[in-house]
Amino acid sequence: MSGIDKILANLGKEMSFQVLGVTCDNCVNKVRRALKTVKGIEEISIKPDYSHFIAHVTIRYKGEVDKKEIEEAIQEASDETPYHEYKVKWE
C-alpha cells in the first residue's frame, strides 16, 4: 500500500441506511449496541422516526465495513426480543 493509499484508508468514510422496526428508545439503544460490534465503525448517528417505525442511521468508519456484517449485527439485535424485528434498508 502506497503512502497516499494509507492516508486515504485512514480518512473516515460515511455510510447511511435505515433500520425498519424501530419503535422506541430501547430499539435505538439495541441498534447502537449492535453496530458497536462491527469492526471499523467509529461513530454512529441514529435519528429515530417513531411515527414511521424507522431510524435513519449514519456511520463513520475507517478501512472497510461489510454491509452483510451490519445486517447480521442488526438481525442479532432483533433476535434478542420477541417484540421487534429490525431490518436494514440501504439508501
Protein backbone atom coordinates (compact mmCIF):
# COMPACT_ATOMS: atom_id res chain seq x y z
CA MET A 1 0.00 0.00 0.00
CA SER A 2 1.46 3.34 -1.01
CA GLY A 3 1.65 6.35 1.30
CA ILE A 4 -1.36 8.05 -0.28
CA ASP A 5 -3.36 4.80 -0.03
CA LYS A 6 -2.60 4.61 3.69
CA ILE A 7 -3.71 8.21 4.18
CA LEU A 8 -6.93 7.63 2.25
CA ALA A 9 -7.62 4.42 4.20
CA ASN A 10 -7.33 6.30 7.48
CA LEU A 11 -9.72 9.05 6.45
CA GLY A 12 -13.17 8.44 7.82
CA LYS A 13 -15.77 7.23 5.37
CA GLU A 14 -19.51 7.56 5.81
CA MET A 15 -22.41 5.23 5.09
CA SER A 16 -26.13 5.84 5.60
CA PHE A 17 -29.02 3.42 5.80
CA GLN A 18 -32.36 2.94 7.53
CA VAL A 19 -33.39 0.40 10.12
CA LEU A 20 -37.03 -0.62 9.92
CA GLY A 21 -38.94 -1.69 13.04
CA VAL A 22 -37.56 0.94 15.43
CA THR A 23 -40.40 1.96 17.75
CA CYS A 24 -38.80 3.30 20.94
CA ASP A 25 -35.62 4.46 22.69
CA ASN A 26 -34.87 0.87 23.69
CA CYS A 27 -34.83 -0.08 19.99
CA VAL A 28 -32.38 2.75 19.27
CA ASN A 29 -30.11 1.51 22.06
CA LYS A 30 -30.22 -2.06 20.73
CA VAL A 31 -29.34 -0.89 17.22
CA ARG A 32 -26.48 1.25 18.58
CA ARG A 33 -25.10 -1.66 20.65
CA ALA A 34 -25.32 -3.96 17.64
CA LEU A 35 -23.45 -1.53 15.40
CA LYS A 36 -20.70 -1.10 18.00
CA THR A 37 -19.84 -4.78 17.48
CA VAL A 38 -19.00 -4.20 13.80
CA LYS A 39 -15.26 -3.79 13.31
CA GLY A 40 -14.21 -0.45 11.84
CA ILE A 41 -17.23 1.63 12.87
CA GLU A 42 -16.07 4.66 14.84
CA GLU A 43 -19.13 6.93 15.05
CA ILE A 44 -22.84 6.15 15.00
CA SER A 45 -25.63 8.68 14.49
CA ILE A 46 -29.20 7.44 14.86
CA LYS A 47 -32.21 9.65 14.19
CA PRO A 48 -35.41 7.77 15.02
CA ASP A 49 -38.77 8.49 13.42
CA TYR A 50 -41.09 6.62 15.77
CA SER A 51 -44.23 7.63 13.88
CA HIS A 52 -42.96 5.66 10.86
CA PHE A 53 -41.19 2.88 12.87
CA ILE A 54 -37.83 3.68 11.29
CA ALA A 55 -34.42 5.02 12.24
CA HIS A 56 -32.07 6.89 9.92
CA VAL A 57 -28.53 5.73 10.64
CA THR A 58 -25.23 7.26 9.57
CA ILE A 59 -21.96 5.61 10.48
CA ARG A 60 -18.40 6.84 10.11
CA TYR A 61 -15.75 4.19 9.72
CA LYS A 62 -12.17 3.54 8.75
CA GLY A 63 -11.00 0.83 6.42
CA GLU A 64 -13.70 -1.41 5.02
CA VAL A 65 -17.06 -2.23 6.57
CA ASP A 66 -19.05 -5.15 5.21
CA LYS A 67 -22.76 -4.42 4.67
CA LYS A 68 -23.53 -8.09 5.34
CA GLU A 69 -21.87 -7.80 8.75
CA ILE A 70 -24.06 -4.77 9.54
CA GLU A 71 -27.17 -6.68 8.51
CA GLU A 72 -26.16 -9.67 10.65
CA ALA A 73 -25.50 -7.47 13.71
CA ILE A 74 -28.91 -5.79 13.33
CA GLN A 75 -30.56 -9.20 12.88
CA GLU A 76 -28.92 -10.46 16.08
CA ALA A 77 -30.31 -7.44 17.93
CA SER A 78 -33.72 -8.27 16.50
CA ASP A 79 -33.42 -11.87 17.70
CA GLU A 80 -32.90 -10.66 21.30
CA THR A 81 -36.54 -9.67 21.65
CA PRO A 82 -39.78 -11.32 20.57
CA TYR A 83 -41.44 -7.90 20.22
CA HIS A 84 -39.43 -6.27 17.44
CA GLU A 85 -37.97 -7.24 14.11
CA TYR A 86 -35.32 -4.91 12.74
CA LYS A 87 -34.37 -4.85 9.08
CA VAL A 88 -31.73 -2.80 7.26
CA LYS A 89 -32.84 -0.80 4.23
CA TRP A 90 -29.90 0.56 2.22
CA GLU A 91 -30.12 4.06 0.80
